[in-house]
N, C-alpha and C. Protein backbone atom coordinates (compact mmCIF):
# COMPACT_ATOMS: atom_id res chain seq x y z
N MET A 1 8.85 6.50 22.38
CA MET A 1 9.98 6.45 21.44
C MET A 1 9.89 5.22 20.53
N SER A 2 9.48 4.08 21.11
CA SER A 2 9.35 2.88 20.30
C SER A 2 8.33 3.05 19.20
N LEU A 3 7.20 3.70 19.52
CA LEU A 3 6.17 3.91 18.50
C LEU A 3 6.68 4.82 17.39
N LEU A 4 7.46 5.83 17.74
CA LEU A 4 8.00 6.73 16.72
C LEU A 4 8.95 5.99 15.80
N LEU A 5 9.82 5.15 16.37
CA LEU A 5 10.75 4.38 15.54
C LEU A 5 10.00 3.42 14.62
N LEU A 6 8.96 2.78 15.16
CA LEU A 6 8.17 1.87 14.34
C LEU A 6 7.44 2.62 13.23
N ALA A 7 6.94 3.82 13.54
CA ALA A 7 6.24 4.61 12.53
C ALA A 7 7.18 5.04 11.41
N LEU A 8 8.39 5.44 11.77
CA LEU A 8 9.38 5.84 10.76
C LEU A 8 9.78 4.64 9.90
N GLU A 9 9.89 3.47 10.52
CA GLU A 9 10.21 2.27 9.74
C GLU A 9 9.08 1.95 8.78
N ALA A 10 7.84 2.06 9.26
CA ALA A 10 6.69 1.79 8.41
C ALA A 10 6.56 2.80 7.28
N ALA A 11 7.06 4.02 7.50
CA ALA A 11 6.97 5.07 6.47
C ALA A 11 7.88 4.79 5.29
N LEU A 12 8.94 3.99 5.50
CA LEU A 12 9.86 3.66 4.42
C LEU A 12 9.27 2.53 3.59
N TYR A 13 8.25 2.88 2.85
CA TYR A 13 7.43 1.91 2.12
C TYR A 13 7.57 2.20 0.63
N PRO A 14 8.48 1.49 -0.08
CA PRO A 14 8.74 1.81 -1.48
C PRO A 14 7.49 1.76 -2.37
N THR A 15 6.55 0.87 -2.05
CA THR A 15 5.34 0.77 -2.86
C THR A 15 4.57 2.08 -2.84
N LEU A 16 4.57 2.77 -1.70
CA LEU A 16 3.85 4.03 -1.60
C LEU A 16 4.46 5.08 -2.52
N LEU A 17 5.79 5.15 -2.57
CA LEU A 17 6.45 6.09 -3.47
C LEU A 17 6.16 5.74 -4.93
N ALA A 18 6.15 4.45 -5.25
CA ALA A 18 5.83 4.02 -6.62
C ALA A 18 4.41 4.44 -7.00
N VAL A 19 3.47 4.33 -6.06
CA VAL A 19 2.10 4.75 -6.31
C VAL A 19 2.05 6.25 -6.56
N VAL A 20 2.77 7.02 -5.75
CA VAL A 20 2.80 8.48 -5.93
C VAL A 20 3.33 8.84 -7.32
N VAL A 21 4.41 8.18 -7.73
CA VAL A 21 4.99 8.44 -9.06
C VAL A 21 3.96 8.14 -10.15
N LEU A 22 3.26 7.02 -10.02
CA LEU A 22 2.26 6.65 -11.01
C LEU A 22 1.14 7.67 -11.07
N LEU A 23 0.62 8.08 -9.92
CA LEU A 23 -0.50 9.02 -9.89
C LEU A 23 -0.10 10.39 -10.42
N LEU A 24 1.17 10.75 -10.26
CA LEU A 24 1.62 12.05 -10.77
C LEU A 24 1.64 12.09 -12.30
N THR A 25 1.65 10.93 -12.94
CA THR A 25 1.66 10.90 -14.41
C THR A 25 0.26 10.99 -14.99
N LEU A 26 -0.76 10.92 -14.16
CA LEU A 26 -2.15 10.91 -14.64
C LEU A 26 -2.75 12.31 -14.56
N ASP A 27 -3.91 12.47 -15.18
CA ASP A 27 -4.65 13.73 -15.07
C ASP A 27 -5.18 13.87 -13.65
N ARG A 28 -5.32 15.08 -13.20
CA ARG A 28 -5.86 15.40 -11.86
C ARG A 28 -5.08 14.69 -10.74
N PRO A 29 -3.76 14.85 -10.71
CA PRO A 29 -2.98 14.13 -9.70
C PRO A 29 -3.31 14.51 -8.27
N VAL A 30 -3.69 15.77 -8.03
CA VAL A 30 -4.02 16.19 -6.67
C VAL A 30 -5.23 15.42 -6.16
N ARG A 31 -6.27 15.36 -7.00
CA ARG A 31 -7.49 14.65 -6.60
C ARG A 31 -7.22 13.16 -6.40
N LEU A 32 -6.43 12.56 -7.30
CA LEU A 32 -6.15 11.13 -7.21
C LEU A 32 -5.29 10.80 -6.00
N LEU A 33 -4.27 11.62 -5.76
CA LEU A 33 -3.40 11.37 -4.61
C LEU A 33 -4.17 11.57 -3.30
N ALA A 34 -5.05 12.58 -3.27
CA ALA A 34 -5.89 12.79 -2.09
C ALA A 34 -6.82 11.60 -1.87
N ALA A 35 -7.36 11.04 -2.95
CA ALA A 35 -8.24 9.87 -2.84
C ALA A 35 -7.47 8.67 -2.33
N TYR A 36 -6.24 8.49 -2.84
CA TYR A 36 -5.43 7.37 -2.38
C TYR A 36 -5.10 7.52 -0.89
N LEU A 37 -4.71 8.71 -0.50
CA LEU A 37 -4.38 8.95 0.90
C LEU A 37 -5.59 8.74 1.80
N ALA A 38 -6.76 9.22 1.34
CA ALA A 38 -7.98 9.04 2.14
C ALA A 38 -8.32 7.56 2.28
N GLY A 39 -8.22 6.81 1.19
CA GLY A 39 -8.51 5.38 1.26
C GLY A 39 -7.54 4.63 2.13
N GLY A 40 -6.25 4.94 1.98
CA GLY A 40 -5.24 4.26 2.79
C GLY A 40 -5.39 4.55 4.27
N LEU A 41 -5.62 5.83 4.61
CA LEU A 41 -5.78 6.19 6.02
C LEU A 41 -7.07 5.59 6.59
N THR A 42 -8.11 5.57 5.80
CA THR A 42 -9.40 5.04 6.29
C THR A 42 -9.26 3.58 6.70
N ILE A 43 -8.73 2.75 5.81
CA ILE A 43 -8.63 1.33 6.13
C ILE A 43 -7.60 1.07 7.21
N SER A 44 -6.48 1.80 7.16
CA SER A 44 -5.41 1.55 8.12
C SER A 44 -5.81 1.96 9.54
N VAL A 45 -6.46 3.12 9.66
CA VAL A 45 -6.90 3.57 10.99
C VAL A 45 -8.02 2.68 11.50
N ALA A 46 -8.97 2.35 10.63
CA ALA A 46 -10.10 1.52 11.06
C ALA A 46 -9.63 0.14 11.54
N LEU A 47 -8.74 -0.49 10.76
CA LEU A 47 -8.23 -1.80 11.18
C LEU A 47 -7.38 -1.67 12.43
N GLY A 48 -6.64 -0.58 12.54
CA GLY A 48 -5.83 -0.37 13.74
C GLY A 48 -6.68 -0.31 15.00
N ILE A 49 -7.77 0.46 14.93
CA ILE A 49 -8.66 0.56 16.08
C ILE A 49 -9.28 -0.79 16.41
N ALA A 50 -9.68 -1.53 15.38
CA ALA A 50 -10.29 -2.85 15.60
C ALA A 50 -9.29 -3.83 16.21
N ILE A 51 -8.05 -3.81 15.72
CA ILE A 51 -7.03 -4.73 16.23
C ILE A 51 -6.68 -4.40 17.68
N VAL A 52 -6.53 -3.12 17.98
CA VAL A 52 -6.21 -2.73 19.36
C VAL A 52 -7.36 -3.11 20.29
N ALA A 53 -8.60 -2.91 19.85
CA ALA A 53 -9.75 -3.29 20.67
C ALA A 53 -9.76 -4.80 20.92
N GLY A 54 -9.42 -5.59 19.89
CA GLY A 54 -9.37 -7.04 20.06
C GLY A 54 -8.24 -7.47 20.98
N LEU A 55 -7.07 -6.86 20.81
CA LEU A 55 -5.94 -7.22 21.66
C LEU A 55 -6.14 -6.76 23.10
N GLY A 56 -6.86 -5.65 23.26
CA GLY A 56 -7.09 -5.13 24.61
C GLY A 56 -7.90 -6.08 25.47
N GLY A 57 -8.69 -6.91 24.85
CA GLY A 57 -9.49 -7.87 25.61
C GLY A 57 -8.79 -9.19 25.84
N SER A 58 -7.52 -9.29 25.41
CA SER A 58 -6.78 -10.54 25.57
C SER A 58 -5.98 -10.53 26.87
N SER A 59 -6.22 -11.51 27.70
CA SER A 59 -5.48 -11.60 28.96
C SER A 59 -4.03 -11.98 28.72
N ALA A 60 -3.73 -12.58 27.58
CA ALA A 60 -2.35 -12.98 27.29
C ALA A 60 -1.46 -11.79 27.00
N LEU A 61 -2.09 -10.63 26.68
CA LEU A 61 -1.32 -9.44 26.35
C LEU A 61 -1.52 -8.41 27.46
N ALA A 62 -1.14 -8.78 28.65
CA ALA A 62 -1.35 -7.89 29.79
C ALA A 62 -0.42 -6.70 29.77
N SER A 63 0.76 -6.83 29.19
CA SER A 63 1.72 -5.72 29.11
C SER A 63 2.72 -6.03 28.01
N SER A 64 3.59 -5.05 27.73
CA SER A 64 4.62 -5.24 26.71
C SER A 64 5.65 -6.26 27.16
N ARG A 65 5.61 -6.65 28.43
CA ARG A 65 6.57 -7.64 28.94
C ARG A 65 5.94 -9.03 29.05
N SER A 66 4.74 -9.19 28.57
CA SER A 66 4.09 -10.49 28.64
C SER A 66 4.80 -11.49 27.74
N GLY A 67 4.55 -12.77 27.99
CA GLY A 67 5.19 -13.81 27.19
C GLY A 67 4.81 -13.70 25.72
N LEU A 68 3.53 -13.40 25.44
CA LEU A 68 3.08 -13.28 24.06
C LEU A 68 3.75 -12.10 23.37
N SER A 69 3.88 -10.98 24.08
CA SER A 69 4.50 -9.79 23.51
C SER A 69 5.97 -10.03 23.21
N VAL A 70 6.66 -10.65 24.15
CA VAL A 70 8.09 -10.95 23.95
C VAL A 70 8.27 -11.91 22.79
N ALA A 71 7.43 -12.93 22.72
CA ALA A 71 7.53 -13.90 21.62
C ALA A 71 7.29 -13.24 20.28
N ALA A 72 6.33 -12.31 20.23
CA ALA A 72 6.04 -11.61 18.97
C ALA A 72 7.24 -10.77 18.54
N ASP A 73 7.85 -10.06 19.50
CA ASP A 73 9.03 -9.25 19.18
C ASP A 73 10.16 -10.13 18.64
N LEU A 74 10.43 -11.22 19.32
CA LEU A 74 11.55 -12.09 18.91
C LEU A 74 11.27 -12.76 17.57
N THR A 75 10.04 -13.21 17.36
CA THR A 75 9.70 -13.90 16.11
C THR A 75 9.77 -12.96 14.91
N ILE A 76 9.10 -11.82 15.02
CA ILE A 76 9.09 -10.88 13.89
C ILE A 76 10.48 -10.28 13.69
N GLY A 77 11.20 -10.05 14.79
CA GLY A 77 12.57 -9.54 14.67
C GLY A 77 13.46 -10.51 13.93
N ALA A 78 13.34 -11.80 14.26
CA ALA A 78 14.15 -12.82 13.58
C ALA A 78 13.80 -12.90 12.10
N LEU A 79 12.51 -12.82 11.78
CA LEU A 79 12.08 -12.85 10.38
C LEU A 79 12.62 -11.65 9.61
N ALA A 80 12.64 -10.49 10.26
CA ALA A 80 13.16 -9.29 9.60
C ALA A 80 14.65 -9.42 9.32
N VAL A 81 15.41 -9.96 10.28
CA VAL A 81 16.84 -10.16 10.07
C VAL A 81 17.08 -11.18 8.96
N MET A 82 16.29 -12.24 8.94
CA MET A 82 16.41 -13.24 7.88
C MET A 82 16.11 -12.62 6.51
N ALA A 83 15.13 -11.72 6.47
CA ALA A 83 14.81 -11.05 5.21
C ALA A 83 15.97 -10.18 4.76
N ALA A 84 16.63 -9.50 5.71
CA ALA A 84 17.79 -8.68 5.36
C ALA A 84 18.92 -9.54 4.81
N VAL A 85 19.15 -10.69 5.43
CA VAL A 85 20.21 -11.60 4.96
C VAL A 85 19.88 -12.12 3.56
N ALA A 86 18.60 -12.49 3.34
CA ALA A 86 18.19 -13.00 2.03
C ALA A 86 18.37 -11.93 0.95
N LEU A 87 18.04 -10.68 1.27
CA LEU A 87 18.22 -9.60 0.30
C LEU A 87 19.69 -9.36 0.02
N ALA A 88 20.51 -9.42 1.06
CA ALA A 88 21.95 -9.22 0.87
C ALA A 88 22.57 -10.32 0.02
N ALA A 89 22.00 -11.53 0.11
CA ALA A 89 22.50 -12.66 -0.68
C ALA A 89 21.83 -12.75 -2.06
N HIS A 90 20.94 -11.78 -2.37
CA HIS A 90 20.23 -11.75 -3.65
C HIS A 90 19.38 -13.01 -3.87
N ALA A 91 18.89 -13.58 -2.78
CA ALA A 91 18.06 -14.79 -2.90
C ALA A 91 16.78 -14.50 -3.67
N ASP A 92 16.24 -13.28 -3.53
CA ASP A 92 15.01 -12.94 -4.25
C ASP A 92 15.22 -12.95 -5.76
N GLU A 93 16.40 -12.53 -6.21
CA GLU A 93 16.68 -12.54 -7.65
C GLU A 93 16.74 -13.96 -8.19
N ARG A 94 17.31 -14.86 -7.41
CA ARG A 94 17.38 -16.25 -7.87
C ARG A 94 15.99 -16.87 -7.95
N VAL A 95 15.13 -16.53 -6.99
CA VAL A 95 13.76 -17.05 -7.01
C VAL A 95 13.01 -16.51 -8.23
N ARG A 96 13.16 -15.21 -8.51
CA ARG A 96 12.50 -14.64 -9.67
C ARG A 96 13.03 -15.24 -10.97
N ALA A 97 14.33 -15.49 -11.01
CA ALA A 97 14.92 -16.08 -12.22
C ALA A 97 14.34 -17.46 -12.48
N ARG A 98 14.19 -18.28 -11.43
CA ARG A 98 13.60 -19.60 -11.61
C ARG A 98 12.14 -19.50 -12.01
N ARG A 99 11.44 -18.53 -11.42
CA ARG A 99 10.01 -18.39 -11.70
C ARG A 99 9.76 -17.97 -13.14
N HIS A 100 10.67 -17.18 -13.70
CA HIS A 100 10.48 -16.66 -15.05
C HIS A 100 11.33 -17.40 -16.09
N SER A 101 11.86 -18.55 -15.72
CA SER A 101 12.68 -19.29 -16.67
C SER A 101 11.87 -19.78 -17.86
N ALA A 102 10.57 -20.03 -17.63
CA ALA A 102 9.69 -20.44 -18.73
C ALA A 102 8.38 -19.68 -18.61
N PRO A 103 8.38 -18.38 -18.90
CA PRO A 103 7.17 -17.57 -18.71
C PRO A 103 6.10 -17.90 -19.72
N PRO A 104 4.85 -17.73 -19.35
CA PRO A 104 3.76 -17.93 -20.31
C PRO A 104 3.83 -16.87 -21.40
N PRO A 105 3.17 -17.10 -22.55
CA PRO A 105 3.28 -16.20 -23.68
C PRO A 105 2.90 -14.76 -23.37
N ASP A 106 1.94 -14.53 -22.46
CA ASP A 106 1.49 -13.17 -22.19
C ASP A 106 2.09 -12.58 -20.94
N ALA A 107 3.18 -13.19 -20.41
CA ALA A 107 3.74 -12.75 -19.13
C ALA A 107 4.21 -11.31 -19.19
N GLY A 108 4.76 -10.91 -20.33
CA GLY A 108 5.30 -9.56 -20.42
C GLY A 108 4.22 -8.49 -20.46
N ARG A 109 2.98 -8.87 -20.69
CA ARG A 109 1.91 -7.88 -20.82
C ARG A 109 1.09 -7.74 -19.55
N ARG A 110 1.30 -8.60 -18.58
CA ARG A 110 0.49 -8.55 -17.38
C ARG A 110 1.08 -7.59 -16.36
N GLU A 111 0.21 -6.81 -15.70
CA GLU A 111 0.62 -5.89 -14.65
C GLU A 111 -0.19 -6.22 -13.40
N PRO A 112 0.31 -5.86 -12.22
CA PRO A 112 -0.46 -6.09 -11.01
C PRO A 112 -1.84 -5.43 -11.09
N TRP A 113 -2.84 -6.09 -10.53
CA TRP A 113 -4.21 -5.56 -10.59
C TRP A 113 -4.29 -4.18 -9.97
N SER A 114 -3.54 -3.96 -8.89
CA SER A 114 -3.58 -2.66 -8.22
C SER A 114 -3.08 -1.55 -9.14
N GLN A 115 -2.01 -1.83 -9.89
CA GLN A 115 -1.46 -0.84 -10.81
C GLN A 115 -2.45 -0.56 -11.94
N ARG A 116 -3.16 -1.59 -12.41
CA ARG A 116 -4.14 -1.38 -13.47
C ARG A 116 -5.29 -0.51 -12.98
N LEU A 117 -5.73 -0.73 -11.75
CA LEU A 117 -6.81 0.08 -11.20
C LEU A 117 -6.38 1.54 -11.04
N LEU A 118 -5.18 1.73 -10.49
CA LEU A 118 -4.69 3.09 -10.27
C LEU A 118 -4.51 3.83 -11.59
N ALA A 119 -4.02 3.11 -12.61
CA ALA A 119 -3.73 3.74 -13.90
C ALA A 119 -5.00 4.20 -14.62
N ARG A 120 -6.15 3.73 -14.22
CA ARG A 120 -7.39 4.16 -14.88
C ARG A 120 -7.74 5.60 -14.55
N GLY A 121 -7.16 6.12 -13.47
CA GLY A 121 -7.38 7.52 -13.14
C GLY A 121 -8.76 7.84 -12.61
N SER A 122 -9.47 6.84 -12.09
CA SER A 122 -10.80 7.05 -11.51
C SER A 122 -10.66 7.27 -10.01
N THR A 123 -11.20 8.37 -9.52
CA THR A 123 -11.08 8.69 -8.10
C THR A 123 -11.66 7.60 -7.20
N PRO A 124 -12.88 7.09 -7.46
CA PRO A 124 -13.41 6.01 -6.61
C PRO A 124 -12.55 4.74 -6.67
N LEU A 125 -12.04 4.39 -7.86
CA LEU A 125 -11.20 3.20 -7.97
C LEU A 125 -9.89 3.37 -7.23
N VAL A 126 -9.31 4.56 -7.29
CA VAL A 126 -8.07 4.83 -6.55
C VAL A 126 -8.32 4.70 -5.05
N PHE A 127 -9.45 5.21 -4.59
CA PHE A 127 -9.81 5.11 -3.16
C PHE A 127 -9.93 3.64 -2.75
N LEU A 128 -10.63 2.84 -3.56
CA LEU A 128 -10.82 1.43 -3.24
C LEU A 128 -9.51 0.65 -3.33
N ALA A 129 -8.69 0.97 -4.34
CA ALA A 129 -7.39 0.30 -4.46
C ALA A 129 -6.52 0.60 -3.25
N ALA A 130 -6.56 1.83 -2.77
CA ALA A 130 -5.78 2.19 -1.58
C ALA A 130 -6.22 1.39 -0.37
N MET A 131 -7.52 1.15 -0.25
CA MET A 131 -8.03 0.37 0.88
C MET A 131 -7.55 -1.08 0.79
N ALA A 132 -7.44 -1.60 -0.45
CA ALA A 132 -7.00 -2.99 -0.62
C ALA A 132 -5.50 -3.14 -0.42
N ILE A 133 -4.74 -2.12 -0.81
CA ILE A 133 -3.28 -2.20 -0.76
C ILE A 133 -2.74 -1.99 0.65
N ASN A 134 -3.35 -1.08 1.39
CA ASN A 134 -2.76 -0.63 2.65
C ASN A 134 -3.27 -1.42 3.86
N LEU A 135 -3.07 -2.72 3.83
CA LEU A 135 -3.35 -3.54 5.00
C LEU A 135 -2.15 -3.47 5.95
N PRO A 136 -2.37 -3.69 7.25
CA PRO A 136 -1.28 -3.52 8.22
C PRO A 136 -0.06 -4.38 7.93
N GLY A 137 1.13 -3.76 7.99
CA GLY A 137 2.38 -4.48 7.85
C GLY A 137 2.97 -4.83 9.19
N ALA A 138 4.17 -5.40 9.19
CA ALA A 138 4.77 -5.91 10.42
C ALA A 138 4.99 -4.80 11.45
N ALA A 139 5.58 -3.68 11.03
CA ALA A 139 5.87 -2.60 11.98
C ALA A 139 4.58 -2.05 12.59
N TYR A 140 3.55 -1.90 11.77
CA TYR A 140 2.27 -1.39 12.26
C TYR A 140 1.64 -2.37 13.25
N LEU A 141 1.69 -3.65 12.95
CA LEU A 141 1.10 -4.64 13.86
C LEU A 141 1.82 -4.65 15.20
N ILE A 142 3.14 -4.54 15.17
CA ILE A 142 3.89 -4.47 16.42
C ILE A 142 3.49 -3.22 17.21
N ALA A 143 3.34 -2.10 16.50
CA ALA A 143 2.94 -0.86 17.17
C ALA A 143 1.55 -1.00 17.79
N LEU A 144 0.64 -1.64 17.08
CA LEU A 144 -0.71 -1.84 17.61
C LEU A 144 -0.68 -2.73 18.85
N LYS A 145 0.18 -3.73 18.82
CA LYS A 145 0.36 -4.58 20.01
C LYS A 145 0.84 -3.74 21.20
N ASP A 146 1.80 -2.85 20.93
CA ASP A 146 2.33 -2.00 22.01
C ASP A 146 1.27 -1.06 22.55
N ILE A 147 0.47 -0.49 21.65
CA ILE A 147 -0.60 0.42 22.09
C ILE A 147 -1.60 -0.33 22.95
N ALA A 148 -1.99 -1.53 22.53
CA ALA A 148 -2.96 -2.31 23.30
C ALA A 148 -2.40 -2.71 24.66
N ALA A 149 -1.10 -3.02 24.71
CA ALA A 149 -0.49 -3.48 25.96
C ALA A 149 -0.32 -2.35 26.97
N ALA A 150 -0.29 -1.11 26.50
CA ALA A 150 -0.03 0.03 27.39
C ALA A 150 -1.24 0.42 28.23
N ASP A 151 -2.40 -0.12 27.91
CA ASP A 151 -3.62 0.13 28.70
C ASP A 151 -3.97 1.61 28.76
N HIS A 152 -3.95 2.27 27.59
CA HIS A 152 -4.35 3.67 27.52
C HIS A 152 -5.87 3.78 27.52
N SER A 153 -6.36 5.01 27.65
CA SER A 153 -7.79 5.26 27.46
C SER A 153 -8.11 5.11 25.98
N LEU A 154 -9.39 4.95 25.67
CA LEU A 154 -9.81 4.78 24.28
C LEU A 154 -9.40 5.99 23.44
N ALA A 155 -9.58 7.18 23.98
CA ALA A 155 -9.24 8.40 23.24
C ALA A 155 -7.75 8.44 22.94
N THR A 156 -6.93 8.06 23.91
CA THR A 156 -5.48 8.07 23.71
C THR A 156 -5.08 7.02 22.68
N GLU A 157 -5.68 5.83 22.73
CA GLU A 157 -5.38 4.79 21.74
C GLU A 157 -5.69 5.27 20.33
N ILE A 158 -6.85 5.89 20.17
CA ILE A 158 -7.24 6.37 18.84
C ILE A 158 -6.27 7.46 18.38
N ALA A 159 -5.89 8.36 19.28
CA ALA A 159 -4.96 9.43 18.93
C ALA A 159 -3.61 8.86 18.51
N LEU A 160 -3.10 7.86 19.23
CA LEU A 160 -1.82 7.24 18.88
C LEU A 160 -1.89 6.55 17.52
N ILE A 161 -3.00 5.88 17.26
CA ILE A 161 -3.17 5.21 15.97
C ILE A 161 -3.19 6.22 14.83
N VAL A 162 -3.92 7.32 15.02
CA VAL A 162 -4.01 8.35 13.98
C VAL A 162 -2.64 8.98 13.73
N VAL A 163 -1.93 9.34 14.80
CA VAL A 163 -0.61 9.95 14.64
C VAL A 163 0.36 8.98 13.97
N PHE A 164 0.32 7.71 14.36
CA PHE A 164 1.18 6.70 13.73
C PHE A 164 0.92 6.66 12.23
N ASN A 165 -0.34 6.67 11.85
CA ASN A 165 -0.68 6.60 10.43
C ASN A 165 -0.27 7.86 9.68
N LEU A 166 -0.39 9.01 10.31
CA LEU A 166 0.04 10.25 9.65
C LEU A 166 1.54 10.21 9.35
N ILE A 167 2.31 9.63 10.27
CA ILE A 167 3.75 9.47 10.02
C ILE A 167 3.98 8.42 8.94
N MET A 168 3.25 7.31 9.01
CA MET A 168 3.44 6.20 8.09
C MET A 168 3.14 6.60 6.64
N PHE A 169 2.23 7.55 6.44
CA PHE A 169 1.86 7.96 5.08
C PHE A 169 2.55 9.25 4.64
N LEU A 170 3.68 9.57 5.23
CA LEU A 170 4.39 10.80 4.87
C LEU A 170 4.77 10.84 3.40
N LEU A 171 5.11 9.68 2.82
CA LEU A 171 5.53 9.66 1.42
C LEU A 171 4.39 10.03 0.46
N ALA A 172 3.16 10.04 0.95
CA ALA A 172 2.04 10.52 0.15
C ALA A 172 1.62 11.92 0.58
N GLU A 173 1.70 12.20 1.88
CA GLU A 173 1.25 13.49 2.40
C GLU A 173 2.14 14.63 1.93
N VAL A 174 3.45 14.42 1.97
CA VAL A 174 4.38 15.49 1.58
C VAL A 174 4.23 15.84 0.10
N PRO A 175 4.22 14.84 -0.83
CA PRO A 175 3.99 15.19 -2.24
C PRO A 175 2.64 15.86 -2.48
N LEU A 176 1.59 15.46 -1.74
CA LEU A 176 0.29 16.08 -1.92
C LEU A 176 0.35 17.56 -1.54
N ALA A 177 0.99 17.86 -0.42
CA ALA A 177 1.16 19.26 -0.03
C ALA A 177 2.01 20.00 -1.06
N GLY A 178 3.05 19.33 -1.56
CA GLY A 178 3.91 19.95 -2.55
C GLY A 178 3.18 20.27 -3.84
N LEU A 179 2.26 19.40 -4.26
CA LEU A 179 1.49 19.64 -5.48
C LEU A 179 0.63 20.89 -5.35
N LEU A 180 0.19 21.18 -4.15
CA LEU A 180 -0.64 22.35 -3.94
C LEU A 180 0.20 23.63 -3.90
N ILE A 181 1.47 23.51 -3.49
CA ILE A 181 2.33 24.69 -3.32
C ILE A 181 3.24 24.91 -4.52
N ALA A 182 3.94 23.84 -4.95
CA ALA A 182 4.90 23.95 -6.06
C ALA A 182 4.84 22.68 -6.90
N PRO A 183 3.86 22.57 -7.79
CA PRO A 183 3.65 21.32 -8.54
C PRO A 183 4.86 20.86 -9.35
N ALA A 184 5.48 21.76 -10.11
CA ALA A 184 6.61 21.36 -10.97
C ALA A 184 7.78 20.87 -10.13
N ARG A 185 8.11 21.58 -9.09
CA ARG A 185 9.22 21.19 -8.22
C ARG A 185 8.93 19.87 -7.53
N THR A 186 7.69 19.67 -7.13
CA THR A 186 7.32 18.43 -6.46
C THR A 186 7.47 17.23 -7.40
N ARG A 187 7.02 17.37 -8.64
CA ARG A 187 7.16 16.28 -9.60
C ARG A 187 8.64 15.93 -9.80
N GLU A 188 9.47 16.97 -9.90
CA GLU A 188 10.90 16.74 -10.10
C GLU A 188 11.51 15.99 -8.92
N LEU A 189 11.17 16.42 -7.71
CA LEU A 189 11.74 15.79 -6.52
C LEU A 189 11.24 14.35 -6.36
N VAL A 190 9.97 14.11 -6.65
CA VAL A 190 9.43 12.75 -6.54
C VAL A 190 10.10 11.83 -7.55
N GLU A 191 10.26 12.30 -8.78
CA GLU A 191 10.93 11.49 -9.80
C GLU A 191 12.38 11.23 -9.43
N ARG A 192 13.05 12.24 -8.88
CA ARG A 192 14.43 12.06 -8.45
C ARG A 192 14.50 11.04 -7.31
N GLY A 193 13.56 11.14 -6.36
CA GLY A 193 13.54 10.19 -5.25
C GLY A 193 13.27 8.77 -5.73
N ASN A 194 12.38 8.65 -6.71
CA ASN A 194 12.08 7.33 -7.26
C ASN A 194 13.30 6.76 -7.98
N GLY A 195 14.03 7.62 -8.68
CA GLY A 195 15.25 7.17 -9.35
C GLY A 195 16.29 6.69 -8.36
N TRP A 196 16.45 7.44 -7.26
CA TRP A 196 17.41 7.02 -6.23
C TRP A 196 16.97 5.69 -5.62
N LEU A 197 15.67 5.54 -5.39
CA LEU A 197 15.18 4.29 -4.80
C LEU A 197 15.40 3.12 -5.73
N SER A 198 15.24 3.34 -7.04
CA SER A 198 15.46 2.27 -8.01
C SER A 198 16.91 1.81 -7.98
N ALA A 199 17.83 2.77 -7.76
CA ALA A 199 19.25 2.44 -7.76
C ALA A 199 19.73 1.88 -6.42
N HIS A 200 19.09 2.29 -5.33
CA HIS A 200 19.57 1.91 -3.99
C HIS A 200 18.50 1.23 -3.14
N GLY A 201 17.42 0.77 -3.79
CA GLY A 201 16.33 0.16 -3.03
C GLY A 201 16.75 -1.06 -2.24
N ARG A 202 17.63 -1.88 -2.82
CA ARG A 202 18.06 -3.09 -2.11
C ARG A 202 18.82 -2.73 -0.84
N GLU A 203 19.75 -1.79 -0.95
CA GLU A 203 20.53 -1.38 0.23
C GLU A 203 19.62 -0.79 1.31
N LEU A 204 18.63 0.01 0.86
CA LEU A 204 17.70 0.59 1.83
C LEU A 204 16.88 -0.50 2.51
N ALA A 205 16.38 -1.45 1.73
CA ALA A 205 15.57 -2.53 2.31
C ALA A 205 16.38 -3.38 3.29
N ILE A 206 17.65 -3.63 2.96
CA ILE A 206 18.51 -4.40 3.85
C ILE A 206 18.71 -3.65 5.16
N GLY A 207 19.00 -2.35 5.05
CA GLY A 207 19.23 -1.55 6.26
C GLY A 207 18.00 -1.46 7.14
N VAL A 208 16.84 -1.23 6.51
CA VAL A 208 15.61 -1.10 7.28
C VAL A 208 15.25 -2.42 7.94
N SER A 209 15.32 -3.52 7.20
CA SER A 209 14.97 -4.83 7.75
C SER A 209 15.91 -5.22 8.89
N ALA A 210 17.21 -4.99 8.68
CA ALA A 210 18.18 -5.36 9.71
C ALA A 210 17.99 -4.52 10.97
N THR A 211 17.78 -3.22 10.80
CA THR A 211 17.58 -2.33 11.95
C THR A 211 16.30 -2.67 12.69
N PHE A 212 15.23 -2.88 11.94
CA PHE A 212 13.94 -3.24 12.53
C PHE A 212 14.06 -4.56 13.29
N GLY A 213 14.68 -5.54 12.67
CA GLY A 213 14.84 -6.84 13.32
C GLY A 213 15.69 -6.77 14.57
N ALA A 214 16.82 -6.05 14.49
CA ALA A 214 17.71 -5.94 15.65
C ALA A 214 17.02 -5.22 16.80
N PHE A 215 16.24 -4.18 16.47
CA PHE A 215 15.50 -3.45 17.50
C PHE A 215 14.50 -4.36 18.22
N LEU A 216 13.74 -5.15 17.46
CA LEU A 216 12.74 -6.02 18.08
C LEU A 216 13.39 -7.14 18.89
N ILE A 217 14.46 -7.72 18.36
CA ILE A 217 15.13 -8.79 19.09
C ILE A 217 15.72 -8.26 20.40
N ALA A 218 16.36 -7.09 20.33
CA ALA A 218 16.94 -6.50 21.55
C ALA A 218 15.84 -6.19 22.57
N ARG A 219 14.74 -5.64 22.10
CA ARG A 219 13.65 -5.31 23.02
C ARG A 219 13.04 -6.59 23.61
N GLY A 220 12.88 -7.60 22.77
CA GLY A 220 12.34 -8.86 23.28
C GLY A 220 13.23 -9.49 24.32
N LEU A 221 14.55 -9.45 24.10
CA LEU A 221 15.49 -10.03 25.06
C LEU A 221 15.48 -9.26 26.37
N VAL A 222 15.40 -7.94 26.29
CA VAL A 222 15.38 -7.12 27.49
C VAL A 222 14.12 -7.38 28.31
N HIS A 223 12.96 -7.40 27.62
CA HIS A 223 11.71 -7.61 28.34
C HIS A 223 11.56 -9.05 28.83
N GLY A 224 12.21 -9.98 28.14
CA GLY A 224 12.11 -11.38 28.55
C GLY A 224 13.07 -11.76 29.65
N ALA A 225 14.06 -10.89 29.91
CA ALA A 225 15.07 -11.22 30.93
C ALA A 225 14.48 -11.15 32.34
């Protein structure tokens, strides 16, 4: 159950939806979205297997109740709650305002390198950009720690990592399937979802961060008791 909750939290990844919206505006969106999904899954699964293999050899991570595991839950949980508080207080807006108080002359023309690569519409570049963008996040790292601590067989560990990633990339998998079945309807729904996220992204981020943090802190306290 913990892995499922972590996977669902990891799936609420606004950047992934933004990438889907961008790729839908380009030529050959099915091929590009498939390339992005393949690149993201490749790097995420490969790093997941490597991380679990590394953690599995650590004596400090003997179980989910070990001191290291409990400390990781409490630390990341506290950081997530702090992030929720900062978002609720609009601290990020104040930081951005100070950063852009005296922008360089070309500031308005610069875009993130990842967006520039994706916008070129090249299948190999989209694949490589996906590999660079989709490095493990907090929820995924916690899940990998849990998988390593459970002392499963290698086959079970790999299966859990693959299933976790399939859930985590739902925001790309569902639109890709939709493009194959009902392209026009899928574009409309993705654009509508992106519009809703633009209007309510802060509230969603606060809720996800607070829930994720509270879950980890509660689990850490229970296992540490």
